[in-house]
Amino acid sequence: MWVSDKWTDYELLDCSGGEKLERWGAYILRRPDPQAIWDTPKSLKEWSSADAVYERSSSGGGAWVRAKVPERWSVSYGALKFNVRLMNFKHTGLFPEQASNWDFISERIRGAGRPVSVLNLFAYTGAATAAAASAGAVVCHVDAARGMVSYARENAAASGLGDKPIRWIVDDCRKFIEKEIRRGKKYDAIIMDPPSYGRGPSGEVWKLEDSLYGFLELCSGVLSDKPLFVLISSYTTGLSPSVLAYLADIVFTKRFGAGVKSKYKCESRELGLPVSGSGLVFPCGSACRWYAE
């Protein structure tokens, strides 16, 4: 498991009964998480004094209640700074378990010894974009939601990266890749965090289990002759880390590593966050890292 244990502005205090209790900077949030299936005692006083609580509705969805927090506030991870907000569907605009991936991105780019161009797909609020840009990469940030791209630009500015070479693209990721292939555009690294399910702007259905293999094959067409890495994240229940590794090896090692022993390595693990209340590690999705050794 890759554990994001270097945070100072974020802390997973406890988790139980389908909920997790977190500290985001100066504020305590209580929100649902279906992974927390155990029913251990909620003994921390913060369970009853959280600054904001997300309550599910019996008819589906839910809402933040008893919210005693600003409209937005900042949390830092090293030199990176992100704006946090109470968003729909229990989200905050940031996935703290991804910090171990931000470290991987930064280390690979800084250690490349050459200019690096990065394509960040399904890029959401731009944490990975900020990590890549701060390490010196030229980044292309792509997301179909205009609001999320605007949010990502705010995060880049908050981290002092507003003048870095970042292209901000509002487009369907598959359609954008197809256009880049026609244009002959190449990238040294690809980052992606595809959704479990979604619909494109023209009603196209995206289901990760059915679409990911073909999408990875398409993405291989925009990788440079000497790719640095591909990073895939997944929060789809039932899609194991080993499946991601198998896909990456089939698509990328077959195309770029054939006949070159150990030139490329593929690792895939769960992502996790340490739980300060129990001393255990809470699982938070999976990631696959395919990279040049």
Protein backbone atom coordinates (compact mmCIF):
# COMPACT_ATOMS: atom_id res chain seq x y z
CA MET A 1 0.00 0.00 0.00
CA TRP A 2 1.16 3.54 -0.78
CA VAL A 3 0.40 5.55 2.37
CA SER A 4 0.16 9.34 2.32
CA ASP A 5 1.70 9.96 5.72
CA LYS A 6 3.52 13.28 5.22
CA TRP A 7 0.58 15.60 5.78
CA THR A 8 0.58 18.36 8.39
CA ASP A 9 -2.58 20.22 7.28
CA TYR A 10 -4.72 17.09 6.96
CA GLU A 11 -5.40 14.26 9.40
CA LEU A 12 -7.75 11.28 9.34
CA LEU A 13 -8.71 11.25 13.01
CA ASP A 14 -11.02 8.23 13.07
CA CYS A 15 -13.40 6.16 10.94
CA SER A 16 -16.32 3.96 11.95
CA GLY A 17 -19.95 3.17 11.16
CA GLY A 18 -19.71 4.22 7.53
CA GLU A 19 -18.17 7.61 8.34
CA LYS A 20 -14.79 9.26 8.67
CA LEU A 21 -13.68 12.12 10.89
CA GLU A 22 -11.04 14.41 9.40
CA ARG A 23 -9.08 17.55 10.17
CA TRP A 24 -8.66 19.87 7.21
CA GLY A 25 -6.41 22.65 8.45
CA ALA A 26 -8.21 24.22 11.39
CA TYR A 27 -11.58 22.57 10.68
CA ILE A 28 -13.04 19.17 11.54
CA LEU A 29 -15.29 17.47 8.98
CA ARG A 30 -17.48 14.40 9.40
CA ARG A 31 -18.60 12.70 6.20
CA PRO A 32 -19.69 9.27 4.89
CA ASP A 33 -17.32 6.62 3.57
CA PRO A 34 -18.68 3.16 2.64
CA GLN A 35 -15.31 1.51 3.29
CA ALA A 36 -15.62 2.07 7.04
CA ILE A 37 -17.84 -0.96 7.63
CA TRP A 38 -16.71 -1.58 11.23
CA ASP A 39 -18.68 -0.31 14.23
CA THR A 40 -15.97 0.70 16.68
CA PRO A 41 -16.76 3.24 19.44
CA LYS A 42 -16.75 6.86 18.30
CA SER A 43 -15.00 8.00 21.44
CA LEU A 44 -13.23 11.10 20.11
CA LYS A 45 -15.04 14.26 21.20
CA GLU A 46 -14.67 15.64 17.67
CA TRP A 47 -17.33 13.21 16.45
CA SER A 48 -19.96 15.36 18.20
CA SER A 49 -18.28 18.74 17.71
CA ALA A 50 -17.32 18.64 14.01
CA ASP A 51 -17.39 21.98 12.20
CA ALA A 52 -19.36 20.47 9.30
CA VAL A 53 -21.26 17.21 8.85
CA TYR A 54 -22.43 15.63 5.61
CA GLU A 55 -25.74 13.84 6.17
CA ARG A 56 -27.17 11.43 3.64
CA SER A 57 -30.80 11.75 2.58
CA SER A 58 -33.17 8.79 2.64
CA SER A 59 -34.17 9.72 -0.93
CA GLY A 60 -30.56 9.71 -2.15
CA GLY A 61 -27.74 12.20 -2.09
CA GLY A 62 -27.35 14.39 0.96
CA ALA A 63 -26.16 17.77 2.19
CA TRP A 64 -23.67 19.47 4.47
CA VAL A 65 -25.29 20.54 7.75
CA ARG A 66 -24.11 22.46 10.81
CA ALA A 67 -21.40 23.94 8.59
CA LYS A 68 -19.29 26.38 10.63
CA VAL A 69 -16.54 26.80 8.06
CA PRO A 70 -15.63 29.50 5.51
CA GLU A 71 -16.81 29.22 1.92
CA ARG A 72 -13.27 28.07 1.18
CA TRP A 73 -9.99 27.77 3.04
CA SER A 74 -6.45 26.63 2.28
CA VAL A 75 -4.46 23.53 3.18
CA SER A 76 -0.83 22.96 2.26
CA TYR A 77 1.17 19.90 1.29
CA GLY A 78 4.82 20.89 1.22
CA ALA A 79 5.12 23.82 -1.19
CA LEU A 80 1.70 23.10 -2.70
CA LYS A 81 -1.38 24.95 -1.51
CA PHE A 82 -4.96 23.93 -2.24
CA ASN A 83 -8.35 25.55 -1.75
CA VAL A 84 -10.84 23.36 0.12
CA ARG A 85 -14.60 23.76 -0.16
CA LEU A 86 -17.69 21.88 0.98
CA MET A 87 -18.92 20.49 -2.33
CA ASN A 88 -21.83 18.32 -3.43
CA PHE A 89 -21.69 14.55 -2.95
CA LYS A 90 -19.64 14.88 0.29
CA HIS A 91 -16.48 16.07 -1.50
CA THR A 92 -14.03 18.82 -0.56
CA GLY A 93 -12.22 19.34 -3.88
CA LEU A 94 -9.17 17.36 -2.79
CA PHE A 95 -8.30 13.68 -2.27
CA PRO A 96 -5.56 13.62 0.41
CA GLU A 97 -4.66 9.97 -0.21
CA GLN A 98 -3.30 11.08 -3.60
CA ALA A 99 -0.37 12.83 -1.89
CA SER A 100 1.85 9.77 -2.32
CA ASN A 101 1.17 10.01 -6.06
CA TRP A 102 2.05 13.72 -6.06
CA ASP A 103 5.39 12.74 -4.51
CA PHE A 104 5.90 10.12 -7.22
CA ILE A 105 5.09 12.65 -9.96
CA SER A 106 7.52 15.20 -8.55
CA GLU A 107 10.33 12.70 -8.03
CA ARG A 108 10.06 11.23 -11.55
CA ILE A 109 10.02 14.66 -13.21
CA ARG A 110 12.86 16.11 -11.13
CA GLY A 111 14.97 13.01 -11.74
CA ALA A 112 14.37 12.83 -15.48
CA GLY A 113 17.32 15.04 -16.41
CA ARG A 114 15.43 16.38 -19.42
CA PRO A 115 12.41 18.56 -20.24
CA VAL A 116 9.17 16.72 -19.49
CA SER A 117 5.70 17.26 -20.93
CA VAL A 118 2.79 15.89 -18.90
CA LEU A 119 -0.82 15.22 -19.89
CA ASN A 120 -3.25 15.18 -16.95
CA LEU A 121 -6.61 13.64 -17.90
CA PHE A 122 -9.84 13.75 -15.86
CA ALA A 123 -7.74 16.29 -13.99
CA TYR A 124 -10.42 17.55 -11.56
CA THR A 125 -9.16 20.39 -9.33
CA GLY A 126 -5.57 20.09 -10.45
CA ALA A 127 -3.55 18.74 -7.51
CA ALA A 128 -1.51 16.48 -9.81
CA THR A 129 -1.15 19.34 -12.29
CA ALA A 130 0.32 21.50 -9.52
CA ALA A 131 2.70 18.72 -8.46
CA ALA A 132 3.95 18.28 -12.04
CA ALA A 133 4.27 22.00 -12.77
CA SER A 134 6.09 22.69 -9.51
CA ALA A 135 8.62 19.99 -10.45
CA GLY A 136 9.36 21.78 -13.72
CA ALA A 137 7.13 20.02 -16.26
CA VAL A 138 5.09 21.56 -19.05
CA VAL A 139 1.53 20.41 -18.30
CA CYS A 140 -1.68 19.99 -20.28
CA HIS A 141 -4.66 19.83 -17.89
CA VAL A 142 -7.87 18.34 -19.35
CA ASP A 143 -11.30 18.00 -17.76
CA ALA A 144 -14.79 18.08 -19.26
CA ALA A 145 -16.18 20.29 -16.46
CA ARG A 146 -15.47 23.99 -16.97
CA GLY A 147 -16.02 24.70 -13.28
CA MET A 148 -13.39 22.16 -12.25
CA VAL A 149 -10.85 23.62 -14.67
CA SER A 150 -11.47 27.07 -13.16
CA TYR A 151 -11.03 25.58 -9.69
CA ALA A 152 -7.75 23.97 -10.82
CA ARG A 153 -6.46 27.32 -12.08
CA GLU A 154 -7.22 28.81 -8.66
CA ASN A 155 -5.22 26.01 -7.01
CA ALA A 156 -2.28 26.58 -9.35
CA ALA A 157 -2.32 30.30 -8.52
CA ALA A 158 -2.52 29.54 -4.79
CA SER A 159 0.64 27.44 -5.13
CA GLY A 160 2.43 30.25 -6.95
CA LEU A 161 2.23 28.42 -10.28
CA GLY A 162 0.02 30.87 -12.17
CA ASP A 163 2.80 31.76 -14.62
CA LYS A 164 3.98 28.20 -15.24
CA PRO A 165 3.49 26.56 -18.70
CA ILE A 166 0.09 24.94 -18.12
CA ARG A 167 -2.54 24.52 -20.84
CA TRP A 168 -6.07 24.53 -19.42
CA ILE A 169 -8.41 22.48 -21.63
CA VAL A 170 -12.17 21.98 -21.22
CA ASP A 171 -12.95 18.92 -23.33
CA ASP A 172 -14.01 15.29 -23.28
CA CYS A 173 -10.80 13.38 -22.59
CA ARG A 174 -11.27 10.76 -25.30
CA LYS A 175 -12.08 13.36 -27.93
CA PHE A 176 -9.10 15.46 -26.86
CA ILE A 177 -6.74 12.47 -27.20
CA GLU A 178 -8.10 11.71 -30.66
CA LYS A 179 -7.45 15.32 -31.71
CA GLU A 180 -3.92 15.25 -30.26
CA ILE A 181 -3.16 12.08 -32.22
CA ARG A 182 -4.30 13.75 -35.44
CA ARG A 183 -2.12 16.75 -34.57
CA GLY A 184 0.88 14.52 -33.90
CA LYS A 185 1.23 15.81 -30.34
CA LYS A 186 3.31 13.70 -27.92
CA TYR A 187 3.73 13.68 -24.13
CA ASP A 188 6.41 12.17 -21.91
CA ALA A 189 4.01 11.30 -19.10
CA ILE A 190 0.29 10.75 -18.64
CA ILE A 191 -1.70 11.06 -15.41
CA MET A 192 -5.33 9.97 -15.24
CA ASP A 193 -8.04 9.55 -12.63
CA PRO A 194 -10.99 8.31 -14.71
CA PRO A 195 -14.48 8.15 -13.17
CA SER A 196 -16.24 4.87 -12.48
CA TYR A 197 -19.21 6.00 -14.56
CA GLY A 198 -20.13 9.03 -16.59
CA ARG A 199 -21.57 10.47 -19.77
CA GLY A 200 -19.79 12.53 -22.39
CA PRO A 201 -21.10 15.84 -23.76
CA SER A 202 -22.93 14.02 -26.56
CA GLY A 203 -24.37 11.33 -24.30
CA GLU A 204 -21.52 8.85 -24.66
CA VAL A 205 -21.53 6.33 -21.81
CA TRP A 206 -18.30 5.78 -19.88
CA LYS A 207 -18.13 2.71 -17.63
CA LEU A 208 -14.61 2.14 -16.34
CA GLU A 209 -14.61 -1.65 -16.58
CA ASP A 210 -15.77 -1.51 -20.21
CA SER A 211 -13.89 1.58 -21.38
CA LEU A 212 -10.50 1.63 -19.67
CA TYR A 213 -8.63 -0.86 -21.87
CA GLY A 214 -9.58 0.90 -25.10
CA PHE A 215 -8.86 4.28 -23.56
CA LEU A 216 -5.37 3.22 -22.46
CA GLU A 217 -4.66 1.92 -25.96
CA LEU A 218 -5.75 5.29 -27.34
CA CYS A 219 -3.53 7.13 -24.84
CA SER A 220 -0.50 5.10 -25.87
CA GLY A 221 -0.72 6.94 -29.19
CA VAL A 222 0.24 10.27 -27.60
CA LEU A 223 3.20 9.00 -25.58
CA SER A 224 6.65 10.07 -26.75
CA ASP A 225 9.23 7.56 -27.97
CA LYS A 226 10.81 7.49 -24.49
CA PRO A 227 7.93 7.88 -22.05
CA LEU A 228 8.74 8.68 -18.45
CA PHE A 229 5.63 7.35 -16.69
CA VAL A 230 1.92 6.64 -16.78
CA LEU A 231 -0.04 7.02 -13.54
CA ILE A 232 -3.57 5.59 -13.29
CA SER A 233 -5.83 6.05 -10.27
CA SER A 234 -9.10 4.23 -9.65
CA TYR A 235 -11.83 4.40 -7.04
CA THR A 236 -14.01 1.76 -8.69
CA THR A 237 -14.99 -0.93 -6.19
CA GLY A 238 -14.01 -4.38 -7.42
CA LEU A 239 -11.29 -3.19 -9.81
CA SER A 240 -8.19 -4.47 -8.05
CA PRO A 241 -4.70 -2.94 -8.25
CA SER A 242 -3.54 -6.09 -10.06
CA VAL A 243 -6.04 -5.45 -12.85
CA LEU A 244 -4.60 -1.97 -13.38
CA ALA A 245 -1.08 -3.42 -13.53
CA TYR A 246 -2.13 -6.08 -16.02
CA LEU A 247 -3.71 -3.45 -18.26
CA ALA A 248 -0.65 -1.20 -18.09
CA ASP A 249 1.69 -4.06 -18.97
CA ILE A 250 -0.50 -5.19 -21.87
CA VAL A 251 -0.79 -1.72 -23.35
CA PHE A 252 2.40 0.15 -22.45
CA THR A 253 5.11 -2.45 -21.82
CA LYS A 254 4.09 -4.30 -24.97
CA ARG A 255 4.45 -1.11 -27.02
CA PHE A 256 7.46 0.55 -25.39
CA GLY A 257 9.31 -2.15 -23.49
CA ALA A 258 9.37 -5.10 -25.87
CA GLY A 259 12.84 -6.61 -26.20
CA VAL A 260 14.34 -4.36 -23.52
CA LYS A 261 14.69 -6.29 -20.28
CA SER A 262 13.50 -4.33 -17.23
CA LYS A 263 13.45 -1.02 -19.10
CA TYR A 264 10.00 -0.29 -17.71
CA LYS A 265 8.54 -1.25 -14.37
CA CYS A 266 4.91 -1.51 -13.34
CA GLU A 267 3.70 -1.27 -9.74
CA SER A 268 0.12 -1.22 -8.53
CA ARG A 269 -1.13 -0.92 -4.95
CA GLU A 270 -3.93 0.41 -2.79
CA LEU A 271 -3.73 4.00 -1.61
CA GLY A 272 -4.06 4.61 2.10
CA LEU A 273 -4.24 7.20 4.86
CA PRO A 274 -3.00 6.66 8.43
CA VAL A 275 -5.75 6.84 11.07
CA SER A 276 -4.43 8.67 14.09
CA GLY A 277 -7.16 7.35 16.39
CA SER A 278 -6.41 3.67 15.76
CA GLY A 279 -2.86 3.58 14.37
CA LEU A 280 -4.17 1.61 11.38
CA VAL A 281 -4.25 2.54 7.68
CA PHE A 282 -7.53 3.28 5.90
CA PRO A 283 -7.78 2.05 2.26
CA CYS A 284 -8.75 4.75 -0.27
CA GLY A 285 -8.74 3.37 -3.80
CA SER A 286 -5.94 2.09 -6.02
CA ALA A 287 -3.18 3.37 -8.26
CA CYS A 288 -0.88 1.95 -10.91
CA ARG A 289 2.53 3.42 -11.73
CA TRP A 290 4.17 2.37 -15.00
CA TYR A 291 7.54 4.05 -15.37
CA ALA A 292 10.99 3.99 -16.90
CA GLU A 293 13.62 2.58 -14.54
